[in-house]
Amino acid sequence: MPQVYEPEFKRKLVRLHLEEGRSYKSLTQEYGVSKSAISKWVELFSNECQKKVNADPTALNDADLMKENLRLRKELEEARKENLFLKKDCPPQKAWIHERASL
């Protein structure tokens, strides 16, 4: 008998995949759900979003919003890494001024 999952659980896994970029493999390992089930839920969600867009072309597509959210999260993470690199690479200004004053 196939396992029955709650709609909220399905939405959670779809969100983790689309918004946070989690792979099918990591979701399968963590939640014990088959890759085919998760990919089916993602496809159903995308189809549902497409129907909403077709019904109201001015409405924003939830899947597109999730993808944009993921892109922005990755961009933010990259900016944070660059910021951290610059902090480590550059000595504090006061230390530099102190060294110059002692010359």
PDB file of N, CA and C in Angstrom:
ATOM      1  N   MET A   1       0.848  -1.185   0.000  1.00  0.00           N
ATOM      2  CA  MET A   1       0.000   0.000   0.000  1.00  0.00           C
ATOM      3  C   MET A   1       0.891   1.245   0.000  1.00  0.00           C
ATOM      4  N   PRO A   2       0.670   2.161  -0.950  1.00  0.00           N
ATOM      5  CA  PRO A   2       1.517   3.350  -1.035  1.00  0.00           C
ATOM      6  C   PRO A   2       1.334   4.267   0.174  1.00  0.00           C
ATOM      7  N   GLN A   3       2.420   4.935   0.521  1.00  0.00           N
ATOM      8  CA  GLN A   3       2.414   5.883   1.633  1.00  0.00           C
ATOM      9  C   GLN A   3       1.610   7.121   1.243  1.00  0.00           C
ATOM     10  N   VAL A   4       0.773   7.603   2.149  1.00  0.00           N
ATOM     11  CA  VAL A   4      -0.007   8.816   1.912  1.00  0.00           C
ATOM     12  C   VAL A   4       0.624   9.947   2.723  1.00  0.00           C
ATOM     13  N   TYR A   5       0.933  11.056   2.053  1.00  0.00           N
ATOM     14  CA  TYR A   5       1.566  12.201   2.703  1.00  0.00           C
ATOM     15  C   TYR A   5       0.583  13.364   2.776  1.00  0.00           C
ATOM     16  N   GLU A   6       0.673  14.113   3.847  1.00  0.00           N
ATOM     17  CA  GLU A   6      -0.175  15.289   4.035  1.00  0.00           C
ATOM     18  C   GLU A   6       0.217  16.370   3.017  1.00  0.00           C
ATOM     19  N   PRO A   7      -0.750  17.144   2.548  1.00  0.00           N
ATOM     20  CA  PRO A   7      -0.436  18.218   1.592  1.00  0.00           C
ATOM     21  C   PRO A   7       0.605  19.208   2.130  1.00  0.00           C
ATOM     22  N   GLU A   8       0.550  19.507   3.416  1.00  0.00           N
ATOM     23  CA  GLU A   8       1.517  20.441   4.004  1.00  0.00           C
ATOM     24  C   GLU A   8       2.942  19.887   3.915  1.00  0.00           C
ATOM     25  N   PHE A   9       3.086  18.585   4.126  1.00  0.00           N
ATOM     26  CA  PHE A   9       4.393  17.936   4.025  1.00  0.00           C
ATOM     27  C   PHE A   9       4.909  18.022   2.590  1.00  0.00           C
ATOM     28  N   LYS A  10       4.022  17.787   1.632  1.00  0.00           N
ATOM     29  CA  LYS A  10       4.404  17.864   0.223  1.00  0.00           C
ATOM     30  C   LYS A  10       4.866  19.279  -0.122  1.00  0.00           C
ATOM     31  N   ARG A  11       4.090  20.279   0.329  1.00  0.00           N
ATOM     32  CA  ARG A  11       4.452  21.676   0.062  1.00  0.00           C
ATOM     33  C   ARG A  11       5.800  22.023   0.681  1.00  0.00           C
ATOM     34  N   LYS A  12       6.056  21.471   1.867  1.00  0.00           N
ATOM     35  CA  LYS A  12       7.327  21.734   2.541  1.00  0.00           C
ATOM     36  C   LYS A  12       8.494  21.232   1.690  1.00  0.00           C
ATOM     37  N   LEU A  13       8.384  20.011   1.176  1.00  0.00           N
ATOM     38  CA  LEU A  13       9.466  19.453   0.369  1.00  0.00           C
ATOM     39  C   LEU A  13       9.618  20.195  -0.959  1.00  0.00           C
ATOM     40  N   VAL A  14       8.506  20.591  -1.554  1.00  0.00           N
ATOM     41  CA  VAL A  14       8.565  21.370  -2.792  1.00  0.00           C
ATOM     42  C   VAL A  14       9.259  22.703  -2.521  1.00  0.00           C
ATOM     43  N   ARG A  15       8.910  23.348  -1.420  1.00  0.00           N
ATOM     44  CA  ARG A  15       9.525  24.627  -1.057  1.00  0.00           C
ATOM     45  C   ARG A  15      11.021  24.459  -0.813  1.00  0.00           C
ATOM     46  N   LEU A  16      11.393  23.396  -0.091  1.00  0.00           N
ATOM     47  CA  LEU A  16      12.812  23.150   0.168  1.00  0.00           C
ATOM     48  C   LEU A  16      13.583  22.964  -1.137  1.00  0.00           C
ATOM     49  N   HIS A  17      12.958  22.297  -2.090  1.00  0.00           N
ATOM     50  CA  HIS A  17      13.622  22.064  -3.379  1.00  0.00           C
ATOM     51  C   HIS A  17      13.705  23.347  -4.206  1.00  0.00           C
ATOM     52  N   LEU A  18      12.581  24.048  -4.351  1.00  0.00           N
ATOM     53  CA  LEU A  18      12.552  25.216  -5.223  1.00  0.00           C
ATOM     54  C   LEU A  18      13.155  26.461  -4.583  1.00  0.00           C
ATOM     55  N   GLU A  19      12.842  26.724  -3.330  1.00  0.00           N
ATOM     56  CA  GLU A  19      13.299  27.950  -2.673  1.00  0.00           C
ATOM     57  C   GLU A  19      14.719  27.848  -2.155  1.00  0.00           C
ATOM     58  N   GLU A  20      15.024  26.747  -1.516  1.00  0.00           N
ATOM     59  CA  GLU A  20      16.330  26.621  -0.872  1.00  0.00           C
ATOM     60  C   GLU A  20      17.334  25.842  -1.712  1.00  0.00           C
ATOM     61  N   GLY A  21      16.866  25.308  -2.842  1.00  0.00           N
ATOM     62  CA  GLY A  21      17.776  24.634  -3.755  1.00  0.00           C
ATOM     63  C   GLY A  21      18.241  23.262  -3.297  1.00  0.00           C
ATOM     64  N   ARG A  22      17.503  22.662  -2.383  1.00  0.00           N
ATOM     65  CA  ARG A  22      17.882  21.332  -1.900  1.00  0.00           C
ATOM     66  C   ARG A  22      17.705  20.313  -3.019  1.00  0.00           C
ATOM     67  N   SER A  23      18.629  19.388  -3.121  1.00  0.00           N
ATOM     68  CA  SER A  23      18.560  18.364  -4.166  1.00  0.00           C
ATOM     69  C   SER A  23      17.538  17.295  -3.793  1.00  0.00           C
ATOM     70  N   TYR A  24      17.083  16.580  -4.821  1.00  0.00           N
ATOM     71  CA  TYR A  24      16.169  15.464  -4.567  1.00  0.00           C
ATOM     72  C   TYR A  24      16.850  14.436  -3.666  1.00  0.00           C
ATOM     73  N   LYS A  25      18.125  14.211  -3.917  1.00  0.00           N
ATOM     74  CA  LYS A  25      18.865  13.209  -3.149  1.00  0.00           C
ATOM     75  C   LYS A  25      18.902  13.561  -1.661  1.00  0.00           C
ATOM     76  N   SER A  26      19.189  14.823  -1.334  1.00  0.00           N
ATOM     77  CA  SER A  26      19.260  15.209   0.079  1.00  0.00           C
ATOM     78  C   SER A  26      17.890  15.117   0.749  1.00  0.00           C
ATOM     79  N   LEU A  27      16.838  15.488   0.013  1.00  0.00           N
ATOM     80  CA  LEU A  27      15.485  15.396   0.570  1.00  0.00           C
ATOM     81  C   LEU A  27      15.081  13.940   0.772  1.00  0.00           C
ATOM     82  N   THR A  28      15.454  13.093  -0.186  1.00  0.00           N
ATOM     83  CA  THR A  28      15.160  11.662  -0.078  1.00  0.00           C
ATOM     84  C   THR A  28      15.834  11.068   1.145  1.00  0.00           C
ATOM     85  N   GLN A  29      17.096  11.412   1.339  1.00  0.00           N
ATOM     86  CA  GLN A  29      17.836  10.873   2.480  1.00  0.00           C
ATOM     87  C   GLN A  29      17.284  11.386   3.806  1.00  0.00           C
ATOM     88  N   GLU A  30      16.946  12.667   3.858  1.00  0.00           N
ATOM     89  CA  GLU A  30      16.489  13.259   5.115  1.00  0.00           C
ATOM     90  C   GLU A  30      15.067  12.856   5.486  1.00  0.00           C
ATOM     91  N   TYR A  31      14.176  12.788   4.500  1.00  0.00           N
ATOM     92  CA  TYR A  31      12.761  12.561   4.793  1.00  0.00           C
ATOM     93  C   TYR A  31      12.261  11.169   4.421  1.00  0.00           C
ATOM     94  N   GLY A  32      13.087  10.382   3.745  1.00  0.00           N
ATOM     95  CA  GLY A  32      12.686   9.024   3.403  1.00  0.00           C
ATOM     96  C   GLY A  32      11.597   8.939   2.356  1.00  0.00           C
ATOM     97  N   VAL A  33      11.544   9.935   1.480  1.00  0.00           N
ATOM     98  CA  VAL A  33      10.557   9.962   0.404  1.00  0.00           C
ATOM     99  C   VAL A  33      11.302   9.713  -0.906  1.00  0.00           C
ATOM    100  N   SER A  34      10.685   8.959  -1.809  1.00  0.00           N
ATOM    101  CA  SER A  34      11.365   8.636  -3.070  1.00  0.00           C
ATOM    102  C   SER A  34      11.552   9.884  -3.931  1.00  0.00           C
ATOM    103  N   LYS A  35      12.591   9.840  -4.750  1.00  0.00           N
ATOM    104  CA  LYS A  35      12.886  10.946  -5.662  1.00  0.00           C
ATOM    105  C   LYS A  35      11.725  11.160  -6.625  1.00  0.00           C
ATOM    106  N   SER A  36      11.146  10.067  -7.090  1.00  0.00           N
ATOM    107  CA  SER A  36      10.044  10.183  -8.052  1.00  0.00           C
ATOM    108  C   SER A  36       8.833  10.874  -7.429  1.00  0.00           C
ATOM    109  N   ALA A  37       8.575  10.605  -6.150  1.00  0.00           N
ATOM    110  CA  ALA A  37       7.445  11.256  -5.482  1.00  0.00           C
ATOM    111  C   ALA A  37       7.683  12.761  -5.374  1.00  0.00           C
ATOM    112  N   ILE A  38       8.890  13.133  -4.966  1.00  0.00           N
ATOM    113  CA  ILE A  38       9.195  14.558  -4.813  1.00  0.00           C
ATOM    114  C   ILE A  38       9.132  15.265  -6.163  1.00  0.00           C
ATOM    115  N   SER A  39       9.713  14.655  -7.189  1.00  0.00           N
ATOM    116  CA  SER A  39       9.695  15.294  -8.512  1.00  0.00           C
ATOM    117  C   SER A  39       8.264  15.413  -9.035  1.00  0.00           C
ATOM    118  N   LYS A  40       7.430  14.443  -8.717  1.00  0.00           N
ATOM    119  CA  LYS A  40       6.019  14.507  -9.118  1.00  0.00           C
ATOM    120  C   LYS A  40       5.329  15.679  -8.422  1.00  0.00           C
ATOM    121  N   TRP A  41       5.597  15.861  -7.120  1.00  0.00           N
ATOM    122  CA  TRP A  41       4.996  16.970  -6.374  1.00  0.00           C
ATOM    123  C   TRP A  41       5.457  18.316  -6.928  1.00  0.00           C
ATOM    124  N   VAL A  42       6.733  18.406  -7.284  1.00  0.00           N
ATOM    125  CA  VAL A  42       7.259  19.645  -7.860  1.00  0.00           C
ATOM    126  C   VAL A  42       6.564  19.925  -9.191  1.00  0.00           C
ATOM    127  N   GLU A  43       6.406  18.891 -10.000  1.00  0.00           N
ATOM    128  CA  GLU A  43       5.739  19.047 -11.292  1.00  0.00           C
ATOM    129  C   GLU A  43       4.278  19.466 -11.105  1.00  0.00           C
ATOM    130  N   LEU A  44       3.579  18.826 -10.170  1.00  0.00           N
ATOM    131  CA  LEU A  44       2.183  19.190  -9.904  1.00  0.00           C
ATOM    132  C   LEU A  44       2.081  20.633  -9.433  1.00  0.00           C
ATOM    133  N   PHE A  45       3.000  21.042  -8.567  1.00  0.00           N
ATOM    134  CA  PHE A  45       3.008  22.412  -8.071  1.00  0.00           C
ATOM    135  C   PHE A  45       3.238  23.390  -9.223  1.00  0.00           C
ATOM    136  N   SER A  46       4.183  23.076 -10.093  1.00  0.00           N
ATOM    137  CA  SER A  46       4.472  23.945 -11.240  1.00  0.00           C
ATOM    138  C   SER A  46       3.265  24.039 -12.167  1.00  0.00           C
ATOM    139  N   ASN A  47       2.602  22.911 -12.403  1.00  0.00           N
ATOM    140  CA  ASN A  47       1.399  22.913 -13.243  1.00  0.00           C
ATOM    141  C   ASN A  47       0.293  23.746 -12.612  1.00  0.00           C
ATOM    142  N   GLU A  48       0.139  23.620 -11.303  1.00  0.00           N
ATOM    143  CA  GLU A  48      -0.876  24.390 -10.584  1.00  0.00           C
ATOM    144  C   GLU A  48      -0.584  25.884 -10.703  1.00  0.00           C
ATOM    145  N   CYS A  49       0.669  26.251 -10.566  1.00  0.00           N
ATOM    146  CA  CYS A  49       1.062  27.656 -10.695  1.00  0.00           C
ATOM    147  C   CYS A  49       0.810  28.156 -12.109  1.00  0.00           C
ATOM    148  N   GLN A  50       1.107  27.320 -13.085  1.00  0.00           N
ATOM    149  CA  GLN A  50       0.897  27.704 -14.479  1.00  0.00           C
ATOM    150  C   GLN A  50      -0.587  27.932 -14.759  1.00  0.00           C
ATOM    151  N   LYS A  51      -1.448  27.099 -14.184  1.00  0.00           N
ATOM    152  CA  LYS A  51      -2.894  27.278 -14.356  1.00  0.00           C
ATOM    153  C   LYS A  51      -3.332  28.613 -13.774  1.00  0.00           C
ATOM    154  N   LYS A  52      -2.774  28.972 -12.619  1.00  0.00           N
ATOM    155  CA  LYS A  52      -3.115  30.256 -11.994  1.00  0.00           C
ATOM    156  C   LYS A  52      -2.684  31.415 -12.881  1.00  0.00           C
ATOM    157  N   VAL A  53      -1.509  31.299 -13.476  1.00  0.00           N
ATOM    158  CA  VAL A  53      -1.010  32.358 -14.353  1.00  0.00           C
ATOM    159  C   VAL A  53      -1.872  32.458 -15.602  1.00  0.00           C
ATOM    160  N   ASN A  54      -2.268  31.315 -16.146  1.00  0.00           N
ATOM    161  CA  ASN A  54      -3.130  31.323 -17.331  1.00  0.00           C
ATOM    162  C   ASN A  54      -4.482  31.940 -17.015  1.00  0.00           C
ATOM    163  N   ALA A  55      -4.989  31.704 -15.809  1.00  0.00           N
ATOM    164  CA  ALA A  55      -6.274  32.266 -15.408  1.00  0.00           C
ATOM    165  C   ALA A  55      -6.164  33.772 -15.199  1.00  0.00           C
ATOM    166  N   ASP A  56      -5.038  34.222 -14.651  1.00  0.00           N
ATOM    167  CA  ASP A  56      -4.809  35.642 -14.399  1.00  0.00           C
ATOM    168  C   ASP A  56      -3.370  35.975 -14.797  1.00  0.00           C
ATOM    169  N   PRO A  57      -3.159  36.374 -16.043  1.00  0.00           N
ATOM    170  CA  PRO A  57      -1.795  36.610 -16.534  1.00  0.00           C
ATOM    171  C   PRO A  57      -1.024  37.671 -15.750  1.00  0.00           C
ATOM    172  N   THR A  58      -1.729  38.553 -15.042  1.00  0.00           N
ATOM    173  CA  THR A  58      -1.030  39.588 -14.275  1.00  0.00           C
ATOM    174  C   THR A  58      -0.530  39.066 -12.932  1.00  0.00           C
ATOM    175  N   ALA A  59      -1.019  37.902 -12.511  1.00  0.00           N
ATOM    176  CA  ALA A  59      -0.597  37.336 -11.225  1.00  0.00           C
ATOM    177  C   ALA A  59       0.823  36.788 -11.336  1.00  0.00           C
ATOM    178  N   LEU A  60       1.572  36.947 -10.258  1.00  0.00           N
ATOM    179  CA  LEU A  60       2.929  36.399 -10.232  1.00  0.00           C
ATOM    180  C   LEU A  60       2.863  34.907  -9.965  1.00  0.00           C
ATOM    181  N   ASN A  61       3.685  34.175 -10.652  1.00  0.00           N
ATOM    182  CA  ASN A  61       3.755  32.729 -10.527  1.00  0.00           C
ATOM    183  C   ASN A  61       4.518  32.365  -9.249  1.00  0.00           C
ATOM    184  N   ASP A  62       3.923  31.530  -8.395  1.00  0.00           N
ATOM    185  CA  ASP A  62       4.570  31.129  -7.143  1.00  0.00           C
ATOM    186  C   ASP A  62       5.908  30.449  -7.397  1.00  0.00           C
ATOM    187  N   ALA A  63       5.972  29.610  -8.406  1.00  0.00           N
ATOM    188  CA  ALA A  63       7.225  28.915  -8.712  1.00  0.00           C
ATOM    189  C   ALA A  63       8.296  29.915  -9.122  1.00  0.00           C
ATOM    190  N   ASP A  64       7.919  30.921  -9.917  1.00  0.00           N
ATOM    191  CA  ASP A  64       8.884  31.948 -10.313  1.00  0.00           C
ATOM    192  C   ASP A  64       9.354  32.747  -9.102  1.00  0.00           C
ATOM    193  N   LEU A  65       8.430  33.030  -8.191  1.00  0.00           N
ATOM    194  CA  LEU A  65       8.812  33.743  -6.970  1.00  0.00           C
ATOM    195  C   LEU A  65       9.790  32.915  -6.141  1.00  0.00           C
ATOM    196  N   MET A  66       9.558  31.621  -6.054  1.00  0.00           N
ATOM    197  CA  MET A  66      10.461  30.751  -5.302  1.00  0.00           C
ATOM    198  C   MET A  66      11.838  30.709  -5.961  1.00  0.00           C
ATOM    199  N   LYS A  67      11.861  30.643  -7.282  1.00  0.00           N
ATOM    200  CA  LYS A  67      13.140  30.617  -7.993  1.00  0.00           C
ATOM    201  C   LYS A  67      13.892  31.936  -7.800  1.00  0.00           C
ATOM    202  N   GLU A  68      13.157  33.042  -7.871  1.00  0.00           N
ATOM    203  CA  GLU A  68      13.780  34.349  -7.646  1.00  0.00           C
ATOM    204  C   GLU A  68      14.303  34.457  -6.216  1.00  0.00           C
ATOM    205  N   ASN A  69      13.537  33.943  -5.275  1.00  0.00           N
ATOM    206  CA  ASN A  69      13.965  33.928  -3.876  1.00  0.00           C
ATOM    207  C   ASN A  69      15.262  33.139  -3.731  1.00  0.00           C
ATOM    208  N   LEU A  70      15.339  31.988  -4.370  1.00  0.00           N
ATOM    209  CA  LEU A  70      16.553  31.167  -4.325  1.00  0.00           C
ATOM    210  C   LEU A  70      17.732  31.921  -4.932  1.00  0.00           C
ATOM    211  N   ARG A  71      17.511  32.568  -6.070  1.00  0.00           N
ATOM    212  CA  ARG A  71      18.577  33.321  -6.720  1.00  0.00           C
ATOM    213  C   ARG A  71      19.087  34.433  -5.806  1.00  0.00           C
ATOM    214  N   LEU A  72      18.162  35.137  -5.165  1.00  0.00           N
ATOM    215  CA  LEU A  72      18.554  36.223  -4.271  1.00  0.00           C
ATOM    216  C   LEU A  72      19.268  35.711  -3.027  1.00  0.00           C
ATOM    217  N   ARG A  73      18.842  34.568  -2.510  1.00  0.00           N
ATOM    218  CA  ARG A  73      19.535  33.979  -1.353  1.00  0.00           C
ATOM    219  C   ARG A  73      20.976  33.620  -1.711  1.00  0.00           C
ATOM    220  N   LYS A  74      21.159  33.041  -2.901  1.00  0.00           N
ATOM    221  CA  LYS A  74      22.512  32.683  -3.340  1.00  0.00           C
ATOM    222  C   LYS A  74      23.365  33.936  -3.527  1.00  0.00           C
ATOM    223  N   GLU A  75      22.758  34.968  -4.102  1.00  0.00           N
ATOM    224  CA  GLU A  75      23.470  36.228  -4.302  1.00  0.00           C
ATOM    225  C   GLU A  75      23.873  36.842  -2.960  1.00  0.00           C
ATOM    226  N   LEU A  76      22.967  36.799  -1.993  1.00  0.00           N
ATOM    227  CA  LEU A  76      23.266  37.320  -0.659  1.00  0.00           C
ATOM    228  C   LEU A  76      24.382  36.525   0.000  1.00  0.00           C
ATOM    229  N   GLU A  77      24.337  35.216  -0.125  1.00  0.00           N
ATOM    230  CA  GLU A  77      25.379  34.367   0.459  1.00  0.00           C
ATOM    231  C   GLU A  77      26.736  34.685  -0.164  1.00  0.00           C
ATOM    232  N   GLU A  78      26.759  34.894  -1.473  1.00  0.00           N
ATOM    233  CA  GLU A  78      28.006  35.242  -2.158  1.00  0.00           C
ATOM    234  C   GLU A  78      28.526  36.593  -1.665  1.00  0.00           C
ATOM    235  N   ALA A  79      27.639  37.557  -1.496  1.00  0.00           N
ATOM    236  CA  ALA A  79      28.051  38.873  -0.995  1.00  0.00           C
ATOM    237  C   ALA A  79      28.598  38.768   0.426  1.00  0.00           C
ATOM    238  N   ARG A  80      27.977  37.932   1.240  1.00  0.00           N
ATOM    239  CA  ARG A  80      28.474  37.738   2.609  1.00  0.00           C
ATOM    240  C   ARG A  80      29.869  37.118   2.602  1.00  0.00           C
ATOM    241  N   LYS A  81      30.090  36.148   1.715  1.00  0.00           N
ATOM    242  CA  LYS A  81      31.414  35.522   1.611  1.00  0.00           C
ATOM    243  C   LYS A  81      32.461  36.546   1.178  1.00  0.00           C
ATOM    244  N   GLU A  82      32.114  37.372   0.191  1.00  0.00           N
ATOM    245  CA  GLU A  82      33.040  38.404  -0.268  1.00  0.00           C
ATOM    246  C   GLU A  82      33.345  39.389   0.851  1.00  0.00           C
ATOM    247  N   ASN A  83      32.327  39.775   1.598  1.00  0.00           N
ATOM    248  CA  ASN A  83      32.501  40.700   2.715  1.00  0.00           C
ATOM    249  C   ASN A  83      33.426  40.103   3.769  1.00  0.00           C
ATOM    250  N   LEU A  84      33.221  38.851   4.098  1.00  0.00           N
ATOM    251  CA  LEU A  84      34.061  38.174   5.078  1.00  0.00           C
ATOM    252  C   LEU A  84      35.502  38.095   4.581  1.00  0.00           C
ATOM    253  N   PHE A  85      35.676  37.798   3.301  1.00  0.00           N
ATOM    254  CA  PHE A  85      37.016  37.740   2.718  1.00  0.00           C
ATOM    255  C   PHE A  85      37.710  39.092   2.831  1.00  0.00           C
ATOM    256  N   LEU A  86      36.981  40.156   2.512  1.00  0.00           N
ATOM    257  CA  LEU A  86      37.570  41.493   2.587  1.00  0.00           C
ATOM    258  C   LEU A  86      37.921  41.874   4.018  1.00  0.00           C
ATOM    259  N   LYS A  87      37.098  41.478   4.968  1.00  0.00           N
ATOM    260  CA  LYS A  87      37.392  41.761   6.375  1.00  0.00           C
ATOM    261  C   LYS A  87      38.665  41.058   6.813  1.00  0.00           C
ATOM    262  N   LYS A  88      38.856  39.828   6.369  1.00  0.00           N
ATOM    263  CA  LYS A  88      40.041  39.065   6.754  1.00  0.00           C
ATOM    264  C   LYS A  88      41.284  39.589   6.043  1.00  0.00           C
ATOM    265  N   ASP A  89      41.123  40.027   4.799  1.00  0.00           N
ATOM    266  CA  ASP A  89      42.254  40.425   3.978  1.00  0.00           C
ATOM    267  C   ASP A  89      42.784  41.813   4.342  1.00  0.00           C
ATOM    268  N   CYS A  90      41.921  42.699   4.799  1.00  0.00           N
ATOM    269  CA  CYS A  90      42.322  44.073   5.096  1.00  0.00           C
ATOM    270  C   CYS A  90      42.522  44.256   6.593  1.00  0.00           C
ATOM    271  N   PRO A  91      43.671  44.797   7.000  1.00  0.00           N
ATOM    272  CA  PRO A  91      43.872  45.056   8.425  1.00  0.00           C
ATOM    273  C   PRO A  91      42.986  46.218   8.864  1.00  0.00           C
ATOM    274  N   PRO A  92      42.646  46.284  10.125  1.00  0.00           N
ATOM    275  CA  PRO A  92      41.823  47.392  10.618  1.00  0.00           C
ATOM    276  C   PRO A  92      42.527  48.729  10.389  1.00  0.00           C
ATOM    277  N   GLN A  93      41.782  49.772  10.131  1.00  0.00           N
ATOM    278  CA  GLN A  93      42.340  51.089   9.845  1.00  0.00           C
ATOM    279  C   GLN A  93      43.157  51.639  11.011  1.00  0.00           C
ATOM    280  N   LYS A  94      42.705  51.466  12.237  1.00  0.00           N
ATOM    281  CA  LYS A  94      43.410  52.013  13.392  1.00  0.00           C
ATOM    282  C   LYS A  94      44.808  51.421  13.505  1.00  0.00           C
ATOM    283  N   ALA A  95      44.947  50.145  13.256  1.00  0.00           N
ATOM    284  CA  ALA A  95      46.260  49.511  13.333  1.00  0.00           C
ATOM    285  C   ALA A  95      47.181  50.103  12.278  1.00  0.00           C
ATOM    286  N   TRP A  96      46.674  50.356  11.104  1.00  0.00           N
ATOM    287  CA  TRP A  96      47.479  50.929  10.039  1.00  0.00           C
ATOM    288  C   TRP A  96      47.898  52.354  10.395  1.00  0.00           C
ATOM    289  N   ILE A  97      46.976  53.133  10.937  1.00  0.00           N
ATOM    290  CA  ILE A  97      47.285  54.510  11.340  1.00  0.00           C
ATOM    291  C   ILE A  97      48.325  54.504  12.454  1.00  0.00           C
ATOM    292  N   HIS A  98      48.190  53.598  13.414  1.00  0.00           N
ATOM    293  CA  HIS A  98      49.134  53.502  14.523  1.00  0.00           C
ATOM    294  C   HIS A  98      50.534  53.178  14.003  1.00  0.00           C
ATOM    295  N   GLU A  99      50.635  52.271  13.056  1.00  0.00           N
ATOM    296  CA  GLU A  99      51.934  51.917  12.481  1.00  0.00           C
ATOM    297  C   GLU A  99      52.553  53.116  11.770  1.00  0.00           C
ATOM    298  N   ARG A 100      51.754  53.855  11.042  1.00  0.00           N
ATOM    299  CA  ARG A 100      52.257  55.017  10.306  1.00  0.00           C
ATOM    300  C   ARG A 100      52.731  56.104  11.273  1.00  0.00           C
ATOM    301  N   ALA A 101      52.034  56.258  12.391  1.00  0.00           N
ATOM    302  CA  ALA A 101      52.390  57.292  13.366  1.00  0.00           C
ATOM    303  C   ALA A 101      53.726  56.987  14.029  1.00  0.00           C
ATOM    304  N   SER A 102      54.055  55.730  14.181  1.00  0.00           N
ATOM    305  CA  SER A 102      55.294  55.358  14.857  1.00  0.00           C
ATOM    306  C   SER A 102      56.511  55.470  13.946  1.00  0.00           C
ATOM    307  N   LEU A 103      56.304  55.685  12.664  1.00  0.00           N
ATOM    308  CA  LEU A 103      57.438  55.804  11.733  1.00  0.00           C
ATOM    309  C   LEU A 103      58.098  57.110  11.819  1.00  0.00           C
TER     310      LEU A 103
END
